[in-house]
Amino acid sequence: MKELLEFLARALVDDPDQVVVTQVEGERSVILQLKVSPEDTGKVIGKNGRIAHALRTVIKAVATKEGKSVIVEILD
């Protein structure tokens, strides 16, 4: 899941070297924290949050298939 989120985010931004995905394991869930450069934050969120919602949907689908719960956070 972490690698997929990183791959998708790198495809969206102008500066792919600034993309960092941190995985935090919880008892029942996994938290993926996505950090991009400040100039690319809008590209990852999208108009009205559509791209962020799409990213979360894809990652949640993969997590469900693996029997896990996942939360995707986009950090500043």
N, C-alpha and C. Protein backbone atom coordinates (compact mmCIF):
# COMPACT_ATOMS: atom_id res chain seq x y z
N MET A 1 0.82 -1.19 0.00
CA MET A 1 0.00 0.00 0.00
C MET A 1 0.86 1.26 0.00
N LYS A 2 1.91 1.23 0.80
CA LYS A 2 2.80 2.39 0.88
C LYS A 2 3.43 2.67 -0.48
N GLU A 3 3.88 1.62 -1.14
CA GLU A 3 4.54 1.79 -2.44
C GLU A 3 3.55 2.29 -3.49
N LEU A 4 2.32 1.80 -3.43
CA LEU A 4 1.29 2.24 -4.38
C LEU A 4 0.98 3.71 -4.21
N LEU A 5 0.81 4.16 -2.96
CA LEU A 5 0.53 5.57 -2.70
C LEU A 5 1.69 6.44 -3.17
N GLU A 6 2.91 5.99 -2.92
CA GLU A 6 4.08 6.75 -3.35
C GLU A 6 4.14 6.84 -4.88
N PHE A 7 3.86 5.74 -5.55
CA PHE A 7 3.86 5.71 -7.01
C PHE A 7 2.82 6.67 -7.58
N LEU A 8 1.60 6.63 -7.04
CA LEU A 8 0.53 7.49 -7.53
C LEU A 8 0.84 8.96 -7.28
N ALA A 9 1.37 9.27 -6.10
CA ALA A 9 1.69 10.66 -5.76
C ALA A 9 2.81 11.20 -6.64
N ARG A 10 3.82 10.38 -6.89
CA ARG A 10 4.93 10.81 -7.76
C ARG A 10 4.45 11.13 -9.18
N ALA A 11 3.43 10.42 -9.64
CA ALA A 11 2.89 10.67 -10.97
C ALA A 11 2.12 11.98 -11.04
N LEU A 12 1.64 12.46 -9.91
CA LEU A 12 0.80 13.67 -9.89
C LEU A 12 1.59 14.97 -9.74
N VAL A 13 2.72 14.93 -9.08
CA VAL A 13 3.42 16.15 -8.70
C VAL A 13 4.50 16.55 -9.69
N ASP A 14 4.95 17.82 -9.59
CA ASP A 14 6.03 18.32 -10.44
C ASP A 14 7.40 17.93 -9.90
N ASP A 15 7.51 17.77 -8.58
CA ASP A 15 8.78 17.44 -7.94
C ASP A 15 8.67 16.09 -7.22
N PRO A 16 8.80 14.98 -7.96
CA PRO A 16 8.60 13.66 -7.36
C PRO A 16 9.63 13.29 -6.29
N ASP A 17 10.78 13.97 -6.27
CA ASP A 17 11.80 13.66 -5.27
C ASP A 17 11.37 14.10 -3.87
N GLN A 18 10.40 15.01 -3.78
CA GLN A 18 9.93 15.51 -2.49
C GLN A 18 8.82 14.65 -1.88
N VAL A 19 8.37 13.64 -2.60
CA VAL A 19 7.28 12.79 -2.10
C VAL A 19 7.83 11.83 -1.04
N VAL A 20 7.20 11.87 0.14
CA VAL A 20 7.59 10.98 1.24
C VAL A 20 6.33 10.36 1.81
N VAL A 21 6.31 9.04 1.91
CA VAL A 21 5.18 8.33 2.50
C VAL A 21 5.68 7.61 3.75
N THR A 22 5.05 7.92 4.88
CA THR A 22 5.40 7.29 6.14
C THR A 22 4.27 6.37 6.56
N GLN A 23 4.61 5.16 6.98
CA GLN A 23 3.60 4.19 7.40
C GLN A 23 3.66 4.03 8.91
N VAL A 24 2.51 4.23 9.57
CA VAL A 24 2.41 4.07 11.01
C VAL A 24 1.45 2.91 11.27
N GLU A 25 1.95 1.88 11.91
CA GLU A 25 1.14 0.69 12.20
C GLU A 25 0.41 0.87 13.52
N GLY A 26 -0.89 0.66 13.50
CA GLY A 26 -1.69 0.66 14.71
C GLY A 26 -2.14 -0.73 15.05
N GLU A 27 -2.97 -0.86 16.08
CA GLU A 27 -3.46 -2.19 16.46
C GLU A 27 -4.38 -2.77 15.40
N ARG A 28 -5.30 -1.95 14.92
CA ARG A 28 -6.27 -2.44 13.95
C ARG A 28 -6.18 -1.77 12.59
N SER A 29 -5.34 -0.76 12.48
CA SER A 29 -5.29 -0.03 11.22
C SER A 29 -3.87 0.41 10.88
N VAL A 30 -3.73 0.88 9.66
CA VAL A 30 -2.46 1.42 9.17
C VAL A 30 -2.73 2.86 8.77
N ILE A 31 -1.84 3.76 9.17
CA ILE A 31 -1.95 5.16 8.78
C ILE A 31 -0.82 5.46 7.80
N LEU A 32 -1.18 5.95 6.63
CA LEU A 32 -0.20 6.36 5.62
C LEU A 32 -0.19 7.88 5.57
N GLN A 33 0.96 8.46 5.85
CA GLN A 33 1.09 9.92 5.84
C GLN A 33 1.85 10.32 4.59
N LEU A 34 1.20 11.13 3.76
CA LEU A 34 1.79 11.58 2.49
C LEU A 34 2.26 13.01 2.64
N LYS A 35 3.53 13.24 2.35
CA LYS A 35 4.09 14.59 2.40
C LYS A 35 4.69 14.92 1.05
N VAL A 36 4.29 16.06 0.50
CA VAL A 36 4.83 16.54 -0.78
C VAL A 36 5.31 17.98 -0.58
N SER A 37 5.96 18.53 -1.58
CA SER A 37 6.43 19.91 -1.48
C SER A 37 5.21 20.85 -1.41
N PRO A 38 5.37 21.99 -0.77
CA PRO A 38 4.23 22.92 -0.62
C PRO A 38 3.60 23.34 -1.95
N GLU A 39 4.40 23.42 -3.00
CA GLU A 39 3.87 23.81 -4.30
C GLU A 39 2.98 22.73 -4.90
N ASP A 40 3.20 21.48 -4.52
CA ASP A 40 2.46 20.35 -5.09
C ASP A 40 1.28 19.89 -4.24
N THR A 41 1.08 20.50 -3.08
CA THR A 41 0.00 20.07 -2.20
C THR A 41 -1.35 20.18 -2.89
N GLY A 42 -1.57 21.25 -3.63
CA GLY A 42 -2.84 21.43 -4.34
C GLY A 42 -3.07 20.38 -5.42
N LYS A 43 -2.01 19.94 -6.03
CA LYS A 43 -2.14 18.91 -7.08
C LYS A 43 -2.54 17.57 -6.49
N VAL A 44 -2.08 17.29 -5.28
CA VAL A 44 -2.41 16.02 -4.63
C VAL A 44 -3.83 16.06 -4.06
N ILE A 45 -4.26 17.24 -3.61
CA ILE A 45 -5.61 17.37 -3.06
C ILE A 45 -6.64 17.49 -4.18
N GLY A 46 -6.35 18.32 -5.16
CA GLY A 46 -7.27 18.48 -6.29
C GLY A 46 -8.42 19.43 -5.99
N LYS A 47 -9.16 19.74 -7.02
CA LYS A 47 -10.30 20.64 -6.88
C LYS A 47 -11.38 19.96 -6.04
N ASN A 48 -11.79 20.64 -4.99
CA ASN A 48 -12.78 20.12 -4.04
C ASN A 48 -12.36 18.78 -3.43
N GLY A 49 -11.06 18.49 -3.42
CA GLY A 49 -10.56 17.27 -2.80
C GLY A 49 -10.80 16.00 -3.61
N ARG A 50 -11.08 16.15 -4.88
CA ARG A 50 -11.40 14.98 -5.71
C ARG A 50 -10.23 14.01 -5.87
N ILE A 51 -9.03 14.53 -6.08
CA ILE A 51 -7.88 13.65 -6.26
C ILE A 51 -7.54 12.96 -4.95
N ALA A 52 -7.60 13.69 -3.84
CA ALA A 52 -7.34 13.08 -2.53
C ALA A 52 -8.36 11.98 -2.25
N HIS A 53 -9.60 12.22 -2.59
CA HIS A 53 -10.65 11.21 -2.39
C HIS A 53 -10.38 9.98 -3.25
N ALA A 54 -9.97 10.20 -4.48
CA ALA A 54 -9.67 9.08 -5.38
C ALA A 54 -8.47 8.27 -4.87
N LEU A 55 -7.43 8.96 -4.39
CA LEU A 55 -6.28 8.26 -3.82
C LEU A 55 -6.70 7.40 -2.63
N ARG A 56 -7.51 7.98 -1.76
CA ARG A 56 -7.97 7.24 -0.58
C ARG A 56 -8.81 6.03 -0.98
N THR A 57 -9.64 6.19 -2.00
CA THR A 57 -10.49 5.09 -2.45
C THR A 57 -9.66 3.93 -2.98
N VAL A 58 -8.65 4.23 -3.78
CA VAL A 58 -7.80 3.18 -4.34
C VAL A 58 -7.03 2.46 -3.23
N ILE A 59 -6.45 3.22 -2.31
CA ILE A 59 -5.68 2.62 -1.22
C ILE A 59 -6.58 1.80 -0.30
N LYS A 60 -7.79 2.29 -0.02
CA LYS A 60 -8.71 1.52 0.82
C LYS A 60 -9.14 0.23 0.15
N ALA A 61 -9.28 0.24 -1.17
CA ALA A 61 -9.65 -0.98 -1.90
C ALA A 61 -8.55 -2.03 -1.76
N VAL A 62 -7.31 -1.61 -1.87
CA VAL A 62 -6.19 -2.54 -1.72
C VAL A 62 -6.13 -3.05 -0.28
N ALA A 63 -6.34 -2.17 0.68
CA ALA A 63 -6.29 -2.56 2.08
C ALA A 63 -7.41 -3.54 2.42
N THR A 64 -8.59 -3.33 1.88
CA THR A 64 -9.71 -4.22 2.13
C THR A 64 -9.41 -5.61 1.58
N LYS A 65 -8.78 -5.64 0.43
CA LYS A 65 -8.41 -6.92 -0.18
C LYS A 65 -7.42 -7.68 0.70
N GLU A 66 -6.56 -6.93 1.42
CA GLU A 66 -5.59 -7.53 2.32
C GLU A 66 -6.15 -7.74 3.73
N GLY A 67 -7.40 -7.33 3.94
CA GLY A 67 -8.03 -7.50 5.25
C GLY A 67 -7.57 -6.50 6.28
N LYS A 68 -7.20 -5.31 5.85
CA LYS A 68 -6.71 -4.28 6.77
C LYS A 68 -7.56 -3.01 6.64
N SER A 69 -7.42 -2.14 7.60
CA SER A 69 -8.05 -0.84 7.57
C SER A 69 -6.94 0.20 7.40
N VAL A 70 -7.17 1.18 6.55
CA VAL A 70 -6.11 2.16 6.27
C VAL A 70 -6.69 3.56 6.30
N ILE A 71 -5.85 4.49 6.74
CA ILE A 71 -6.19 5.93 6.75
C ILE A 71 -5.08 6.63 5.98
N VAL A 72 -5.45 7.47 5.03
CA VAL A 72 -4.46 8.24 4.27
C VAL A 72 -4.54 9.69 4.71
N GLU A 73 -3.43 10.21 5.21
CA GLU A 73 -3.34 11.61 5.64
C GLU A 73 -2.42 12.35 4.70
N ILE A 74 -2.83 13.56 4.31
CA ILE A 74 -1.98 14.41 3.48
C ILE A 74 -1.47 15.53 4.38
N LEU A 75 -0.16 15.56 4.58
CA LEU A 75 0.46 16.53 5.50
C LEU A 75 0.98 17.73 4.75
N ASP A 76 1.04 18.86 5.46
CA ASP A 76 1.61 20.08 4.89
C ASP A 76 3.10 20.07 5.01
